């Protein structure tokens, strides 16, 4: 089992120590504040007083596998990294920086991993914001679908590609989970042989625009529609979901347009997750293929959101 040393046990170091001790890890703590050391000892932690910038500290932790240098004094952290690396490269060293400049310095001195608490907090806040926004948007989407009295039309762009078809199948599944019947409506033809095989193999039913009267649908969704080549200003809708910006403003009840992702299938996958919807194999396979097609098997403009969506879908596909 790995052994750990924490150099500098302020708020960050103490939080890490608590987690490691809770996992029954062997933790040794060094800190320059004698009062803090006494308080740590009162909690039955193995803590000793030391100035972590001194050379002797490297020898004091030489028997530890992992060194976490977490004091708020970046100069002391840099000195600790330098002294530890002077004894060898066997230990895994994590060091705390305060900004990109100090992060580069610590990396050059030999730290294996450099963390910036401010950046970590900001990243955590942004993730919380993203989660909160998705929860809010999912609730909005559900409310619009629930107001459907008769039937919903999910319109995809002309001669739809796998991303368009897959995202439509996902929205159809969301609607059906709320007891709302939905048709996937397309214009033109499903021209490419590969796209026809995609639809046939997965059993996705599409309805040609030529054979229906859109006025019979009381809810209309436009999915992956910005690149349709049709005049957007003439399109009416209640729901718009797309990964391309639209040239015209739409007065709709619900819109989620995210140029920050590479596939509309990615957006719909996030809603599937948020709504905790059971995925059947066909829809999961379609969404995964839609993401792969838009990103050229993750080789073109792939974002972290595309990758996490694909990872979620893979076990179901």
C-alpha atoms as a PDB file:
ATOM      1  CA  UNK A   1       0.000   0.000   0.000  1.00  0.00           C
ATOM      2  CA  UNK A   2       1.307   3.460  -0.893  1.00  0.00           C
ATOM      3  CA  UNK A   3       2.453   5.796   1.858  1.00  0.00           C
ATOM      4  CA  UNK A   4       1.841   9.528   1.790  1.00  0.00           C
ATOM      5  CA  UNK A   5       3.433  12.718   3.065  1.00  0.00           C
ATOM      6  CA  UNK A   6       1.649  16.062   3.164  1.00  0.00           C
ATOM      7  CA  UNK A   7       3.912  19.099   3.306  1.00  0.00           C
ATOM      8  CA  UNK A   8       1.909  22.097   4.442  1.00  0.00           C
ATOM      9  CA  UNK A   9      -1.380  21.305   6.127  1.00  0.00           C
ATOM     10  CA  UNK A  10      -3.548  24.386   5.798  1.00  0.00           C
ATOM     11  CA  UNK A  11      -7.125  24.144   4.545  1.00  0.00           C
ATOM     12  CA  UNK A  12      -6.170  22.318   1.344  1.00  0.00           C
ATOM     13  CA  UNK A  13      -3.689  19.969   2.986  1.00  0.00           C
ATOM     14  CA  UNK A  14      -6.072  19.178   5.827  1.00  0.00           C
ATOM     15  CA  UNK A  15      -8.918  18.350   3.420  1.00  0.00           C
ATOM     16  CA  UNK A  16      -6.621  15.955   1.560  1.00  0.00           C
ATOM     17  CA  UNK A  17      -5.376  14.430   4.829  1.00  0.00           C
ATOM     18  CA  UNK A  18      -8.947  13.809   5.991  1.00  0.00           C
ATOM     19  CA  UNK A  19      -9.800  11.968   2.780  1.00  0.00           C
ATOM     20  CA  UNK A  20      -6.661   9.831   2.885  1.00  0.00           C
ATOM     21  CA  UNK A  21      -7.078   8.936   6.554  1.00  0.00           C
ATOM     22  CA  UNK A  22     -10.727   8.039   5.929  1.00  0.00           C
ATOM     23  CA  UNK A  23      -9.431   5.531   3.370  1.00  0.00           C
ATOM     24  CA  UNK A  24      -7.008   4.090   5.963  1.00  0.00           C
ATOM     25  CA  UNK A  25      -3.952   5.446   4.168  1.00  0.00           C
ATOM     26  CA  UNK A  26      -0.633   5.901   5.938  1.00  0.00           C
ATOM     27  CA  UNK A  27      -0.228   9.691   6.130  1.00  0.00           C
ATOM     28  CA  UNK A  28       2.677  11.721   7.532  1.00  0.00           C
ATOM     29  CA  UNK A  29       2.253  15.505   7.853  1.00  0.00           C
ATOM     30  CA  UNK A  30       4.844  18.280   8.084  1.00  0.00           C
ATOM     31  CA  UNK A  31       3.869  21.886   8.763  1.00  0.00           C
ATOM     32  CA  UNK A  32       5.659  25.056   9.848  1.00  0.00           C
ATOM     33  CA  UNK A  33       2.876  26.136  12.240  1.00  0.00           C
ATOM     34  CA  UNK A  34       3.499  24.570  15.665  1.00  0.00           C
ATOM     35  CA  UNK A  35      -0.034  25.271  16.868  1.00  0.00           C
ATOM     36  CA  UNK A  36      -1.478  23.548  13.833  1.00  0.00           C
ATOM     37  CA  UNK A  37       0.807  20.565  14.355  1.00  0.00           C
ATOM     38  CA  UNK A  38      -0.395  20.206  17.945  1.00  0.00           C
ATOM     39  CA  UNK A  39      -4.016  20.378  16.788  1.00  0.00           C
ATOM     40  CA  UNK A  40      -3.354  17.665  14.216  1.00  0.00           C
ATOM     41  CA  UNK A  41      -1.723  15.470  16.847  1.00  0.00           C
ATOM     42  CA  UNK A  42      -4.774  15.934  19.064  1.00  0.00           C
ATOM     43  CA  UNK A  43      -6.714  14.301  16.229  1.00  0.00           C
ATOM     44  CA  UNK A  44      -4.319  11.322  16.295  1.00  0.00           C
ATOM     45  CA  UNK A  45      -2.624  12.367  13.062  1.00  0.00           C
ATOM     46  CA  UNK A  46       1.084  11.760  12.546  1.00  0.00           C
ATOM     47  CA  UNK A  47       2.219  15.389  12.319  1.00  0.00           C
ATOM     48  CA  UNK A  48       5.561  17.075  12.954  1.00  0.00           C
ATOM     49  CA  UNK A  49       6.841  20.616  12.946  1.00  0.00           C
ATOM     50  CA  UNK A  50       9.168  21.507  10.060  1.00  0.00           C
ATOM     51  CA  UNK A  51       9.919  24.258   7.591  1.00  0.00           C
ATOM     52  CA  UNK A  52       9.175  22.504   4.304  1.00  0.00           C
ATOM     53  CA  UNK A  53      11.613  24.723   2.386  1.00  0.00           C
ATOM     54  CA  UNK A  54      14.604  23.224   4.231  1.00  0.00           C
ATOM     55  CA  UNK A  55      16.727  20.484   2.669  1.00  0.00           C
ATOM     56  CA  UNK A  56      16.260  18.185   5.671  1.00  0.00           C
ATOM     57  CA  UNK A  57      12.579  17.789   4.826  1.00  0.00           C
ATOM     58  CA  UNK A  58      13.445  15.816   1.693  1.00  0.00           C
ATOM     59  CA  UNK A  59      15.224  13.234   3.840  1.00  0.00           C
ATOM     60  CA  UNK A  60      12.361  13.191   6.357  1.00  0.00           C
ATOM     61  CA  UNK A  61       9.941  12.051   3.649  1.00  0.00           C
ATOM     62  CA  UNK A  62      12.365   9.915   1.660  1.00  0.00           C
ATOM     63  CA  UNK A  63      10.512   6.729   2.644  1.00  0.00           C
ATOM     64  CA  UNK A  64       7.148   7.992   1.340  1.00  0.00           C
ATOM     65  CA  UNK A  65       5.751   6.933  -2.027  1.00  0.00           C
ATOM     66  CA  UNK A  66       3.617  10.001  -2.690  1.00  0.00           C
ATOM     67  CA  UNK A  67       4.475  13.551  -1.632  1.00  0.00           C
ATOM     68  CA  UNK A  68       1.769  16.214  -1.635  1.00  0.00           C
ATOM     69  CA  UNK A  69       3.258  19.696  -1.272  1.00  0.00           C
ATOM     70  CA  UNK A  70       0.228  21.820  -0.464  1.00  0.00           C
ATOM     71  CA  UNK A  71       1.255  24.888   1.515  1.00  0.00           C
ATOM     72  CA  UNK A  72       0.025  28.340   0.489  1.00  0.00           C
ATOM     73  CA  UNK A  73       3.666  29.502   0.298  1.00  0.00           C
ATOM     74  CA  UNK A  74       4.556  28.805  -3.327  1.00  0.00           C
ATOM     75  CA  UNK A  75       8.245  29.617  -2.809  1.00  0.00           C
ATOM     76  CA  UNK A  76       8.417  27.034  -0.028  1.00  0.00           C
ATOM     77  CA  UNK A  77       6.650  24.536  -2.274  1.00  0.00           C
ATOM     78  CA  UNK A  78       9.192  25.142  -5.035  1.00  0.00           C
ATOM     79  CA  UNK A  79      12.086  24.645  -2.619  1.00  0.00           C
ATOM     80  CA  UNK A  80      10.532  21.403  -1.371  1.00  0.00           C
ATOM     81  CA  UNK A  81      10.141  20.049  -4.906  1.00  0.00           C
ATOM     82  CA  UNK A  82      13.721  20.971  -5.742  1.00  0.00           C
ATOM     83  CA  UNK A  83      15.145  19.297  -2.625  1.00  0.00           C
ATOM     84  CA  UNK A  84      13.047  16.154  -3.061  1.00  0.00           C
ATOM     85  CA  UNK A  85      14.075  15.779  -6.686  1.00  0.00           C
ATOM     86  CA  UNK A  86      17.719  16.292  -5.735  1.00  0.00           C
ATOM     87  CA  UNK A  87      17.468  12.976  -3.878  1.00  0.00           C
ATOM     88  CA  UNK A  88      15.928  11.119  -6.822  1.00  0.00           C
ATOM     89  CA  UNK A  89      12.923  10.655  -9.086  1.00  0.00           C
ATOM     90  CA  UNK A  90      11.304   7.650  -7.451  1.00  0.00           C
ATOM     91  CA  UNK A  91       8.598   9.497  -5.526  1.00  0.00           C
ATOM     92  CA  UNK A  92       5.398  10.805  -7.064  1.00  0.00           C
ATOM     93  CA  UNK A  93       5.208  14.520  -6.303  1.00  0.00           C
ATOM     94  CA  UNK A  94       2.081  16.674  -6.380  1.00  0.00           C
ATOM     95  CA  UNK A  95       2.639  20.387  -5.795  1.00  0.00           C
ATOM     96  CA  UNK A  96       0.377  23.375  -5.242  1.00  0.00           C
ATOM     97  CA  UNK A  97       0.746  26.461  -7.445  1.00  0.00           C
ATOM     98  CA  UNK A  98      -0.921  29.844  -7.217  1.00  0.00           C
ATOM     99  CA  UNK A  99      -0.982  30.828 -10.894  1.00  0.00           C
ATOM    100  CA  UNK A 100       0.188  29.613 -14.325  1.00  0.00           C
ATOM    101  CA  UNK A 101       3.686  31.054 -13.828  1.00  0.00           C
ATOM    102  CA  UNK A 102       4.306  29.194 -10.575  1.00  0.00           C
ATOM    103  CA  UNK A 103       2.714  26.100 -12.111  1.00  0.00           C
ATOM    104  CA  UNK A 104       5.292  26.153 -14.914  1.00  0.00           C
ATOM    105  CA  UNK A 105       8.095  26.636 -12.397  1.00  0.00           C
ATOM    106  CA  UNK A 106       6.977  23.689 -10.283  1.00  0.00           C
ATOM    107  CA  UNK A 107       6.708  21.501 -13.368  1.00  0.00           C
ATOM    108  CA  UNK A 108      10.216  22.459 -14.455  1.00  0.00           C
ATOM    109  CA  UNK A 109      11.516  21.632 -10.970  1.00  0.00           C
ATOM    110  CA  UNK A 110      10.133  18.116 -11.308  1.00  0.00           C
ATOM    111  CA  UNK A 111       6.602  18.002  -9.894  1.00  0.00           C
ATOM    112  CA  UNK A 112       4.626  15.194 -11.529  1.00  0.00           C
ATOM    113  CA  UNK A 113       1.296  16.960 -11.047  1.00  0.00           C
ATOM    114  CA  UNK A 114       0.667  20.632 -10.340  1.00  0.00           C
ATOM    115  CA  UNK A 115      -2.642  21.863  -8.958  1.00  0.00           C
ATOM    116  CA  UNK A 116      -3.987  25.376  -8.655  1.00  0.00           C
ATOM    117  CA  UNK A 117      -6.759  25.492  -6.019  1.00  0.00           C
ATOM    118  CA  UNK A 118      -8.282  28.616  -7.564  1.00  0.00           C
ATOM    119  CA  UNK A 119      -8.553  26.887 -10.930  1.00  0.00           C
ATOM    120  CA  UNK A 120      -9.984  23.768  -9.285  1.00  0.00           C
ATOM    121  CA  UNK A 121     -12.632  25.834  -7.492  1.00  0.00           C
ATOM    122  CA  UNK A 122     -13.496  27.696 -10.695  1.00  0.00           C
ATOM    123  CA  UNK A 123     -13.764  24.423 -12.597  1.00  0.00           C
ATOM    124  CA  UNK A 124     -15.981  22.966  -9.885  1.00  0.00           C
ATOM    125  CA  UNK A 125     -18.208  26.043  -9.973  1.00  0.00           C
ATOM    126  CA  UNK A 126     -18.539  25.812 -13.751  1.00  0.00           C
ATOM    127  CA  UNK A 127     -19.434  22.116 -13.550  1.00  0.00           C
ATOM    128  CA  UNK A 128     -22.065  22.906 -10.928  1.00  0.00           C
ATOM    129  CA  UNK A 129     -23.417  25.662 -13.169  1.00  0.00           C
ATOM    130  CA  UNK A 130     -23.543  23.308 -16.156  1.00  0.00           C
ATOM    131  CA  UNK A 131     -25.363  20.683 -14.097  1.00  0.00           C
ATOM    132  CA  UNK A 132     -27.851  23.231 -12.792  1.00  0.00           C
ATOM    133  CA  UNK A 133     -28.507  24.648 -16.242  1.00  0.00           C
ATOM    134  CA  UNK A 134     -29.055  21.187 -17.707  1.00  0.00           C
ATOM    135  CA  UNK A 135     -31.510  20.319 -14.941  1.00  0.00           C
ATOM    136  CA  UNK A 136     -33.409  23.549 -15.612  1.00  0.00           C
ATOM    137  CA  UNK A 137     -33.423  23.046 -19.388  1.00  0.00           C
ATOM    138  CA  UNK A 138     -34.554  19.431 -19.059  1.00  0.00           C
ATOM    139  CA  UNK A 139     -37.468  20.563 -16.927  1.00  0.00           C
ATOM    140  CA  UNK A 140     -38.348  23.222 -19.520  1.00  0.00           C
ATOM    141  CA  UNK A 141     -38.196  20.707 -22.359  1.00  0.00           C
ATOM    142  CA  UNK A 142     -40.427  18.306 -20.460  1.00  0.00           C
ATOM    143  CA  UNK A 143     -42.995  21.020 -19.805  1.00  0.00           C
ATOM    144  CA  UNK A 144     -43.234  21.928 -23.502  1.00  0.00           C
ATOM    145  CA  UNK A 145     -43.635  18.281 -24.493  1.00  0.00           C
ATOM    146  CA  UNK A 146     -46.242  17.736 -21.772  1.00  0.00           C
ATOM    147  CA  UNK A 147     -48.400  20.516 -23.229  1.00  0.00           C
ATOM    148  CA  UNK A 148     -48.849  18.459 -26.410  1.00  0.00           C
ATOM    149  CA  UNK A 149     -52.516  17.534 -26.663  1.00  0.00           C
ATOM    150  CA  UNK A 150     -52.453  15.399 -29.800  1.00  0.00           C
ATOM    151  CA  UNK A 151     -49.145  14.666 -31.489  1.00  0.00           C
ATOM    152  CA  UNK A 152     -45.640  16.066 -31.899  1.00  0.00           C
ATOM    153  CA  UNK A 153     -43.688  16.383 -35.149  1.00  0.00           C
ATOM    154  CA  UNK A 154     -39.910  16.095 -34.847  1.00  0.00           C
ATOM    155  CA  UNK A 155     -38.566  17.732 -38.002  1.00  0.00           C
ATOM    156  CA  UNK A 156     -35.072  16.943 -39.203  1.00  0.00           C
ATOM    157  CA  UNK A 157     -33.160  18.678 -41.966  1.00  0.00           C
ATOM    158  CA  UNK A 158     -33.573  17.860 -45.645  1.00  0.00           C
ATOM    159  CA  UNK A 159     -32.050  14.501 -46.624  1.00  0.00           C
ATOM    160  CA  UNK A 160     -31.142  13.826 -42.979  1.00  0.00           C
ATOM    161  CA  UNK A 161     -27.815  12.422 -41.862  1.00  0.00           C
ATOM    162  CA  UNK A 162     -27.211  10.031 -38.917  1.00  0.00           C
ATOM    163  CA  UNK A 163     -26.796  12.827 -36.347  1.00  0.00           C
ATOM    164  CA  UNK A 164     -30.104  14.389 -37.336  1.00  0.00           C
ATOM    165  CA  UNK A 165     -31.955  11.060 -37.389  1.00  0.00           C
ATOM    166  CA  UNK A 166     -30.432   9.858 -34.117  1.00  0.00           C
ATOM    167  CA  UNK A 167     -31.216  13.038 -32.206  1.00  0.00           C
ATOM    168  CA  UNK A 168     -34.784  12.911 -33.537  1.00  0.00           C
ATOM    169  CA  UNK A 169     -35.131   9.308 -32.380  1.00  0.00           C
ATOM    170  CA  UNK A 170     -33.930  10.370 -28.932  1.00  0.00           C
ATOM    171  CA  UNK A 171     -36.428  13.237 -28.695  1.00  0.00           C
ATOM    172  CA  UNK A 172     -39.149  10.874 -29.873  1.00  0.00           C
ATOM    173  CA  UNK A 173     -38.170   8.477 -27.070  1.00  0.00           C
ATOM    174  CA  UNK A 174     -38.291  11.313 -24.528  1.00  0.00           C
ATOM    175  CA  UNK A 175     -41.768  12.270 -25.757  1.00  0.00           C
ATOM    176  CA  UNK A 176     -43.001   8.681 -25.639  1.00  0.00           C
ATOM    177  CA  UNK A 177     -41.712   8.328 -22.078  1.00  0.00           C
ATOM    178  CA  UNK A 178     -44.114  11.174 -21.241  1.00  0.00           C
ATOM    179  CA  UNK A 179     -47.022   9.510 -23.078  1.00  0.00           C
ATOM    180  CA  UNK A 180     -46.780  11.849 -26.063  1.00  0.00           C
ATOM    181  CA  UNK A 181     -46.805  10.344 -29.551  1.00  0.00           C
ATOM    182  CA  UNK A 182     -44.232  11.800 -31.925  1.00  0.00           C
ATOM    183  CA  UNK A 183     -43.379  11.354 -35.600  1.00  0.00           C
ATOM    184  CA  UNK A 184     -39.968  11.991 -37.142  1.00  0.00           C
ATOM    185  CA  UNK A 185     -40.640  14.080 -40.248  1.00  0.00           C
ATOM    186  CA  UNK A 186     -38.133  14.593 -43.060  1.00  0.00           C
ATOM    187  CA  UNK A 187     -38.018  16.439 -46.376  1.00  0.00           C
ATOM    188  CA  UNK A 188     -36.287  15.292 -49.521  1.00  0.00           C
ATOM    189  CA  UNK A 189     -34.805  11.814 -49.586  1.00  0.00           C
ATOM    190  CA  UNK A 190     -32.628   9.650 -47.394  1.00  0.00           C
ATOM    191  CA  UNK A 191     -30.136   9.537 -50.183  1.00  0.00           C
ATOM    192  CA  UNK A 192     -26.936   7.887 -49.032  1.00  0.00           C
ATOM    193  CA  UNK A 193     -27.020   4.109 -48.967  1.00  0.00           C
ATOM    194  CA  UNK A 194     -25.259   4.153 -45.599  1.00  0.00           C
ATOM    195  CA  UNK A 195     -27.973   6.384 -44.120  1.00  0.00           C
ATOM    196  CA  UNK A 196     -30.734   4.142 -45.469  1.00  0.00           C
ATOM    197  CA  UNK A 197     -29.015   1.119 -43.943  1.00  0.00           C
ATOM    198  CA  UNK A 198     -28.665   3.026 -40.661  1.00  0.00           C
ATOM    199  CA  UNK A 199     -32.427   3.673 -40.549  1.00  0.00           C
ATOM    200  CA  UNK A 200     -33.400   0.161 -41.611  1.00  0.00           C
ATOM    201  CA  UNK A 201     -31.058  -1.717 -39.302  1.00  0.00           C
ATOM    202  CA  UNK A 202     -32.121   0.262 -36.242  1.00  0.00           C
ATOM    203  CA  UNK A 203     -35.805   0.220 -37.148  1.00  0.00           C
ATOM    204  CA  UNK A 204     -36.230   3.993 -37.000  1.00  0.00           C
ATOM    205  CA  UNK A 205     -39.508   5.054 -38.600  1.00  0.00           C
ATOM    206  CA  UNK A 206     -39.531   8.340 -40.506  1.00  0.00           C
ATOM    207  CA  UNK A 207     -42.466  10.083 -42.151  1.00  0.00           C
ATOM    208  CA  UNK A 208     -42.083  12.030 -45.394  1.00  0.00           C
ATOM    209  CA  UNK A 209     -43.166  15.661 -45.227  1.00  0.00           C
ATOM    210  CA  UNK A 210     -45.010  15.173 -48.518  1.00  0.00           C
ATOM    211  CA  UNK A 211     -47.441  12.730 -46.969  1.00  0.00           C
ATOM    212  CA  UNK A 212     -48.608  14.730 -43.947  1.00  0.00           C
ATOM    213  CA  UNK A 213     -50.305  17.948 -42.930  1.00  0.00           C
ATOM    214  CA  UNK A 214     -48.175  19.728 -40.317  1.00  0.00           C
ATOM    215  CA  UNK A 215     -51.237  21.575 -39.042  1.00  0.00           C
ATOM    216  CA  UNK A 216     -52.357  18.287 -37.509  1.00  0.00           C
ATOM    217  CA  UNK A 217     -49.439  18.474 -35.059  1.00  0.00           C
ATOM    218  CA  UNK A 218     -49.795  20.779 -32.081  1.00  0.00           C
ATOM    219  CA  UNK A 219     -46.098  20.632 -31.114  1.00  0.00           C
ATOM    220  CA  UNK A 220     -43.285  20.945 -33.647  1.00  0.00           C
ATOM    221  CA  UNK A 221     -39.602  20.441 -32.922  1.00  0.00           C
ATOM    222  CA  UNK A 222     -36.728  21.363 -35.242  1.00  0.00           C
ATOM    223  CA  UNK A 223     -33.659  19.213 -34.647  1.00  0.00           C
ATOM    224  CA  UNK A 224     -30.254  19.672 -36.250  1.00  0.00           C
ATOM    225  CA  UNK A 225     -31.998  21.969 -38.713  1.00  0.00           C
ATOM    226  CA  UNK A 226     -29.705  24.972 -39.198  1.00  0.00           C
ATOM    227  CA  UNK A 227     -27.819  23.358 -42.092  1.00  0.00           C
ATOM    228  CA  UNK A 228     -30.992  22.222 -43.853  1.00  0.00           C
ATOM    229  CA  UNK A 229     -30.691  24.696 -46.703  1.00  0.00           C
ATOM    230  CA  UNK A 230     -34.311  25.728 -46.114  1.00  0.00           C
ATOM    231  CA  UNK A 231     -35.334  29.315 -45.300  1.00  0.00           C
ATOM    232  CA  UNK A 232     -35.283  29.386 -41.514  1.00  0.00           C
ATOM    233  CA  UNK A 233     -37.567  32.384 -41.316  1.00  0.00           C
ATOM    234  CA  UNK A 234     -40.368  30.273 -42.780  1.00  0.00           C
ATOM    235  CA  UNK A 235     -39.982  27.500 -40.227  1.00  0.00           C
ATOM    236  CA  UNK A 236     -42.291  27.532 -37.231  1.00  0.00           C
ATOM    237  CA  UNK A 237     -41.492  25.511 -34.151  1.00  0.00           C
ATOM    238  CA  UNK A 238     -42.051  25.098 -30.434  1.00  0.00           C
ATOM    239  CA  UNK A 239     -38.719  23.359 -29.783  1.00  0.00           C
ATOM    240  CA  UNK A 240     -35.309  23.880 -31.385  1.00  0.00           C
ATOM    241  CA  UNK A 241     -32.228  21.803 -30.564  1.00  0.00           C
ATOM    242  CA  UNK A 242     -29.082  22.185 -32.656  1.00  0.00           C
ATOM    243  CA  UNK A 243     -25.310  22.302 -32.553  1.00  0.00           C
ATOM    244  CA  UNK A 244     -25.157  25.022 -35.205  1.00  0.00           C
ATOM    245  CA  UNK A 245     -26.174  28.630 -34.760  1.00  0.00           C
ATOM    246  CA  UNK A 246     -29.330  29.665 -36.625  1.00  0.00           C
ATOM    247  CA  UNK A 247     -29.259  32.676 -38.918  1.00  0.00           C
ATOM    248  CA  UNK A 248     -32.672  33.886 -37.783  1.00  0.00           C
ATOM    249  CA  UNK A 249     -34.231  34.416 -34.394  1.00  0.00           C
ATOM    250  CA  UNK A 250     -37.053  32.010 -33.600  1.00  0.00           C
ATOM    251  CA  UNK A 251     -39.882  32.781 -31.210  1.00  0.00           C
ATOM    252  CA  UNK A 252     -40.013  29.346 -29.585  1.00  0.00           C
ATOM    253  CA  UNK A 253     -40.949  28.009 -26.182  1.00  0.00           C
ATOM    254  CA  UNK A 254     -37.740  26.015 -25.876  1.00  0.00           C
ATOM    255  CA  UNK A 255     -34.357  26.379 -27.571  1.00  0.00           C
ATOM    256  CA  UNK A 256     -31.021  24.727 -26.880  1.00  0.00           C
ATOM    257  CA  UNK A 257     -28.393  25.708 -29.439  1.00  0.00           C
ATOM    258  CA  UNK A 258     -24.840  24.697 -28.533  1.00  0.00           C
ATOM    259  CA  UNK A 259     -22.057  25.391 -31.032  1.00  0.00           C
ATOM    260  CA  UNK A 260     -19.687  24.247 -28.277  1.00  0.00           C
ATOM    261  CA  UNK A 261     -20.430  20.586 -29.090  1.00  0.00           C
ATOM    262  CA  UNK A 262     -19.985  18.747 -32.365  1.00  0.00           C
ATOM    263  CA  UNK A 263     -23.245  16.814 -32.590  1.00  0.00           C
ATOM    264  CA  UNK A 264     -26.904  17.335 -31.802  1.00  0.00           C
ATOM    265  CA  UNK A 265     -26.812  13.709 -30.644  1.00  0.00           C
ATOM    266  CA  UNK A 266     -24.507  14.837 -27.831  1.00  0.00           C
ATOM    267  CA  UNK A 267     -27.094  17.362 -26.636  1.00  0.00           C
ATOM    268  CA  UNK A 268     -29.909  14.816 -26.689  1.00  0.00           C
ATOM    269  CA  UNK A 269     -27.746  12.296 -24.842  1.00  0.00           C
ATOM    270  CA  UNK A 270     -27.313  14.823 -22.033  1.00  0.00           C
ATOM    271  CA  UNK A 271     -31.103  15.166 -21.776  1.00  0.00           C
ATOM    272  CA  UNK A 272     -31.505  11.388 -21.755  1.00  0.00           C
ATOM    273  CA  UNK A 273     -29.077  11.277 -18.828  1.00  0.00           C
ATOM    274  CA  UNK A 274     -30.647  14.166 -16.937  1.00  0.00           C
ATOM    275  CA  UNK A 275     -34.160  12.756 -17.316  1.00  0.00           C
ATOM    276  CA  UNK A 276     -32.864   9.323 -16.234  1.00  0.00           C
ATOM    277  CA  UNK A 277     -34.546   7.755 -19.243  1.00  0.00           C
ATOM    278  CA  UNK A 278     -34.066   4.058 -19.847  1.00  0.00           C
ATOM    279  CA  UNK A 279     -32.317   3.677 -23.196  1.00  0.00           C
ATOM    280  CA  UNK A 280     -33.156   0.900 -25.603  1.00  0.00           C
ATOM    281  CA  UNK A 281     -30.343  -0.455 -27.710  1.00  0.00           C
ATOM    282  CA  UNK A 282     -31.600   1.082 -30.937  1.00  0.00           C
ATOM    283  CA  UNK A 283     -31.685   4.672 -29.682  1.00  0.00           C
ATOM    284  CA  UNK A 284     -28.353   4.289 -27.878  1.00  0.00           C
ATOM    285  CA  UNK A 285     -26.704   2.854 -30.986  1.00  0.00           C
ATOM    286  CA  UNK A 286     -28.171   5.611 -33.142  1.00  0.00           C
ATOM    287  CA  UNK A 287     -26.912   8.367 -30.837  1.00  0.00           C
ATOM    288  CA  UNK A 288     -23.453   6.847 -30.584  1.00  0.00           C
ATOM    289  CA  UNK A 289     -23.255   6.515 -34.354  1.00  0.00           C
ATOM    290  CA  UNK A 290     -24.515  10.081 -34.771  1.00  0.00           C
ATOM    291  CA  UNK A 291     -21.702  11.417 -32.585  1.00  0.00           C
ATOM    292  CA  UNK A 292     -19.100   9.285 -34.325  1.00  0.00           C
ATOM    293  CA  UNK A 293     -20.311  10.382 -37.757  1.00  0.00           C
ATOM    294  CA  UNK A 294     -20.210  14.094 -36.896  1.00  0.00           C
ATOM    295  CA  UNK A 295     -16.738  13.858 -35.356  1.00  0.00           C
ATOM    296  CA  UNK A 296     -15.314  11.444 -37.948  1.00  0.00           C
ATOM    297  CA  UNK A 297     -14.771   8.811 -35.270  1.00  0.00           C
ATOM    298  CA  UNK A 298     -13.598  11.442 -32.756  1.00  0.00           C
ATOM    299  CA  UNK A 299     -10.942  12.816 -35.116  1.00  0.00           C
ATOM    300  CA  UNK A 300     -12.653  16.124 -36.010  1.00  0.00           C
ATOM    301  CA  UNK A 301     -13.622  18.947 -33.633  1.00  0.00           C
ATOM    302  CA  UNK A 302     -14.337  16.514 -30.808  1.00  0.00           C
ATOM    303  CA  UNK A 303     -15.217  18.131 -27.477  1.00  0.00           C
ATOM    304  CA  UNK A 304     -15.153  16.690 -23.942  1.00  0.00           C
ATOM    305  CA  UNK A 305     -18.961  16.699 -24.001  1.00  0.00           C
ATOM    306  CA  UNK A 306     -18.953  14.521 -27.130  1.00  0.00           C
ATOM    307  CA  UNK A 307     -16.573  12.055 -25.493  1.00  0.00           C
ATOM    308  CA  UNK A 308     -18.502  11.812 -22.219  1.00  0.00           C
ATOM    309  CA  UNK A 309     -21.765  11.357 -24.116  1.00  0.00           C
ATOM    310  CA  UNK A 310     -20.225   8.568 -26.184  1.00  0.00           C
ATOM    311  CA  UNK A 311     -18.828   6.915 -23.054  1.00  0.00           C
ATOM    312  CA  UNK A 312     -22.295   6.983 -21.478  1.00  0.00           C
ATOM    313  CA  UNK A 313     -23.934   5.470 -24.562  1.00  0.00           C
ATOM    314  CA  UNK A 314     -21.395   2.741 -25.230  1.00  0.00           C
ATOM    315  CA  UNK A 315     -22.675   0.170 -22.661  1.00  0.00           C
ATOM    316  CA  UNK A 316     -26.235   0.490 -24.024  1.00  0.00           C
ATOM    317  CA  UNK A 317     -25.353   0.323 -27.724  1.00  0.00           C
END
